[in-house]
Amino acid sequence: MSENLKILGRYSTRMAAGDYDAVYEVFAPDFFSHVTPRVNPEAVGTDIRAQEHRFWETAKTAFPDMQFEVHLVLEHDDLVVSNWTLVGTHTGGAYYGIPASGKRVTINGTAILRFRDGKIVEHWGGPHCMNGVGLSPPLTPHAPAAGVDSAPRSPAGT
């Protein structure tokens, strides 16, 4: 197993366990997410590691029984691609302004991460399916989903 995969595995384990400060050790201070200009344009050019911290902390608070699983990991040179799922029951706090519903929630995402010198420096991707959250209406054959770009995304999506 490569060093980048080991780093990502340790990071995911720490974040799922509630050690949210791991983001500041694993992500470089100059970390850039290609998602930020679309979902949080005012944060472009700033240290966005706190958004990753917030994603995990908010998810664990909202879904106290949260389980995180990585389904697929691919690596090529300095890039690691992961597909992951977060599952939990929304019985805790609000999730990005959505009050607890008591419903089972599944959030699935994909992240493409670039590593440099043992740190994550660049990201593409994020959550792409948020079943049960209530942030955007379900897709229908005749209407596109509203609010697709407003869904919260973990800058790293891991």
Protein backbone atom coordinates (compact mmCIF):
# COMPACT_ATOMS: atom_id res chain seq x y z
CA MET A 1 0.00 0.00 0.00
CA SER A 2 1.37 3.42 -0.94
CA GLU A 3 2.11 6.12 1.62
CA ASN A 4 -0.68 8.33 0.19
CA LEU A 5 -3.25 5.55 0.70
CA LYS A 6 -2.02 5.01 4.26
CA ILE A 7 -2.33 8.73 4.99
CA LEU A 8 -5.86 8.86 3.56
CA GLY A 9 -6.89 5.76 5.52
CA ARG A 10 -5.59 7.17 8.81
CA TYR A 11 -7.25 10.51 8.06
CA SER A 12 -10.66 8.94 7.30
CA THR A 13 -10.48 6.83 10.46
CA ARG A 14 -9.63 9.83 12.62
CA MET A 15 -12.37 12.03 11.14
CA ALA A 16 -15.02 9.29 11.48
CA ALA A 17 -13.96 8.88 15.12
CA GLY A 18 -14.42 12.60 15.81
CA ASP A 19 -10.78 13.72 15.64
CA TYR A 20 -11.62 16.65 13.36
CA ASP A 21 -8.30 18.41 13.89
CA ALA A 22 -6.75 15.74 11.66
CA VAL A 23 -7.70 17.96 8.73
CA TYR A 24 -5.04 20.47 9.80
CA GLU A 25 -2.37 17.76 9.83
CA VAL A 26 -3.30 16.01 6.56
CA PHE A 27 -4.36 18.94 4.37
CA ALA A 28 -1.69 21.44 3.35
CA PRO A 29 -2.23 25.07 4.39
CA ASP A 30 -2.41 25.97 0.68
CA PHE A 31 -5.01 23.24 0.01
CA PHE A 32 -7.34 24.14 -2.87
CA SER A 33 -10.71 22.58 -3.64
CA HIS A 34 -12.14 23.04 -7.12
CA VAL A 35 -15.58 22.83 -5.49
CA THR A 36 -15.12 26.03 -3.47
CA PRO A 37 -15.67 28.53 -6.32
CA ARG A 38 -19.04 26.89 -7.03
CA VAL A 39 -20.40 26.34 -3.51
CA ASN A 40 -18.63 28.99 -1.43
CA PRO A 41 -17.09 31.60 -3.76
CA GLU A 42 -16.34 34.04 -0.94
CA ALA A 43 -13.92 31.49 0.53
CA VAL A 44 -11.70 31.30 -2.58
CA GLY A 45 -8.17 32.25 -1.66
CA THR A 46 -8.64 31.51 2.04
CA ASP A 47 -7.63 28.55 4.20
CA ILE A 48 -10.67 26.28 3.67
CA ARG A 49 -9.57 23.42 5.91
CA ALA A 50 -12.08 24.63 8.50
CA GLN A 51 -14.88 23.73 6.05
CA GLU A 52 -13.75 20.09 6.06
CA HIS A 53 -13.67 20.21 9.85
CA ARG A 54 -17.20 21.68 9.87
CA PHE A 55 -18.55 19.04 7.45
CA TRP A 56 -17.46 16.17 9.68
CA GLU A 57 -18.45 17.85 12.94
CA THR A 58 -21.88 18.81 11.56
CA ALA A 59 -22.45 15.31 10.17
CA LYS A 60 -21.51 13.60 13.45
CA THR A 61 -23.74 15.97 15.44
CA ALA A 62 -26.70 15.55 13.07
CA PHE A 63 -26.28 11.79 12.65
CA PRO A 64 -25.06 10.46 16.03
CA ASP A 65 -25.10 6.88 14.73
CA MET A 66 -23.11 7.90 11.65
CA GLN A 67 -21.17 5.21 9.83
CA PHE A 68 -18.58 6.08 7.19
CA GLU A 69 -17.44 3.60 4.58
CA VAL A 70 -15.05 3.86 1.67
CA HIS A 71 -16.17 1.65 -1.24
CA LEU A 72 -13.52 2.24 -3.87
CA VAL A 73 -10.02 3.67 -3.87
CA LEU A 74 -7.95 4.15 -7.01
CA GLU A 75 -4.48 5.63 -7.18
CA HIS A 76 -2.46 7.01 -10.06
CA ASP A 77 0.81 8.84 -9.42
CA ASP A 78 -0.02 11.64 -6.94
CA LEU A 79 -3.82 11.28 -7.30
CA VAL A 80 -6.14 9.20 -5.13
CA VAL A 81 -9.82 8.73 -6.03
CA SER A 82 -12.24 7.50 -3.39
CA ASN A 83 -15.95 6.75 -3.45
CA TRP A 84 -17.54 6.86 -0.01
CA THR A 85 -20.85 6.73 1.83
CA LEU A 86 -21.94 8.26 5.10
CA VAL A 87 -25.10 6.73 6.62
CA GLY A 88 -26.90 7.83 9.76
CA THR A 89 -30.23 8.70 11.34
CA HIS A 90 -30.95 12.42 11.57
CA THR A 91 -31.75 12.48 15.28
CA GLY A 92 -29.14 15.01 16.44
CA GLY A 93 -28.59 18.63 15.58
CA ALA A 94 -29.42 20.49 12.39
CA TYR A 95 -27.53 19.54 9.25
CA TYR A 96 -26.67 22.73 7.36
CA GLY A 97 -29.88 24.34 8.59
CA ILE A 98 -32.11 21.29 8.15
CA PRO A 99 -33.60 20.29 11.53
CA ALA A 100 -33.52 16.68 12.72
CA SER A 101 -36.13 14.61 10.92
CA GLY A 102 -35.60 11.19 12.49
CA LYS A 103 -35.07 9.82 8.96
CA ARG A 104 -32.27 7.53 7.83
CA VAL A 105 -29.89 9.52 5.61
CA THR A 106 -27.39 8.32 3.02
CA ILE A 107 -24.78 10.69 1.63
CA ASN A 108 -22.58 9.29 -1.11
CA GLY A 109 -19.65 11.09 -2.68
CA THR A 110 -16.50 10.85 -4.70
CA ALA A 111 -13.27 12.70 -4.10
CA ILE A 112 -10.21 13.11 -6.29
CA LEU A 113 -7.28 14.17 -4.15
CA ARG A 114 -3.81 15.30 -5.17
CA PHE A 115 -0.98 14.64 -2.70
CA ARG A 116 2.34 16.45 -2.40
CA ASP A 117 4.96 15.67 0.23
CA GLY A 118 2.52 13.64 2.34
CA LYS A 119 -0.22 16.31 2.37
CA ILE A 120 -3.46 16.72 0.43
CA VAL A 121 -3.06 19.84 -1.71
CA GLU A 122 -5.92 19.70 -4.22
CA HIS A 123 -9.46 18.31 -4.46
CA TRP A 124 -12.23 17.73 -7.00
CA GLY A 125 -15.62 16.19 -6.18
CA GLY A 126 -17.78 15.96 -3.08
CA PRO A 127 -21.18 14.56 -2.15
CA HIS A 128 -23.35 13.83 -5.16
CA CYS A 129 -26.27 11.94 -3.64
CA MET A 130 -27.87 13.05 -0.39
CA ASN A 131 -30.85 10.73 0.03
CA GLY A 132 -33.12 11.74 2.91
CA VAL A 133 -31.33 14.94 3.90
CA GLY A 134 -33.97 17.36 2.59
CA LEU A 135 -31.61 19.89 1.06
CA SER A 136 -32.84 19.46 -2.49
CA PRO A 137 -36.02 17.90 -3.87
CA PRO A 138 -35.89 14.45 -5.47
CA LEU A 139 -35.40 14.25 -9.20
CA THR A 140 -38.47 13.71 -11.35
CA PRO A 141 -38.61 12.90 -15.06
CA HIS A 142 -39.93 16.39 -15.84
CA ALA A 143 -38.05 18.69 -13.49
CA PRO A 144 -34.36 19.14 -12.67
CA ALA A 145 -33.30 19.14 -9.04
CA ALA A 146 -33.26 22.57 -7.47
CA GLY A 147 -30.42 23.67 -5.27
CA VAL A 148 -27.88 21.18 -6.61
CA ASP A 149 -25.04 23.67 -6.22
CA SER A 150 -26.17 24.72 -2.75
CA ALA A 151 -25.76 21.28 -1.14
CA PRO A 152 -23.01 21.21 1.47
CA ARG A 153 -19.87 19.53 0.37
CA SER A 154 -16.87 18.40 2.25
CA PRO A 155 -13.92 20.07 0.54
CA ALA A 156 -12.17 16.72 0.51
CA GLY A 157 -15.14 14.43 0.46
CA THR A 158 -13.38 11.75 2.30
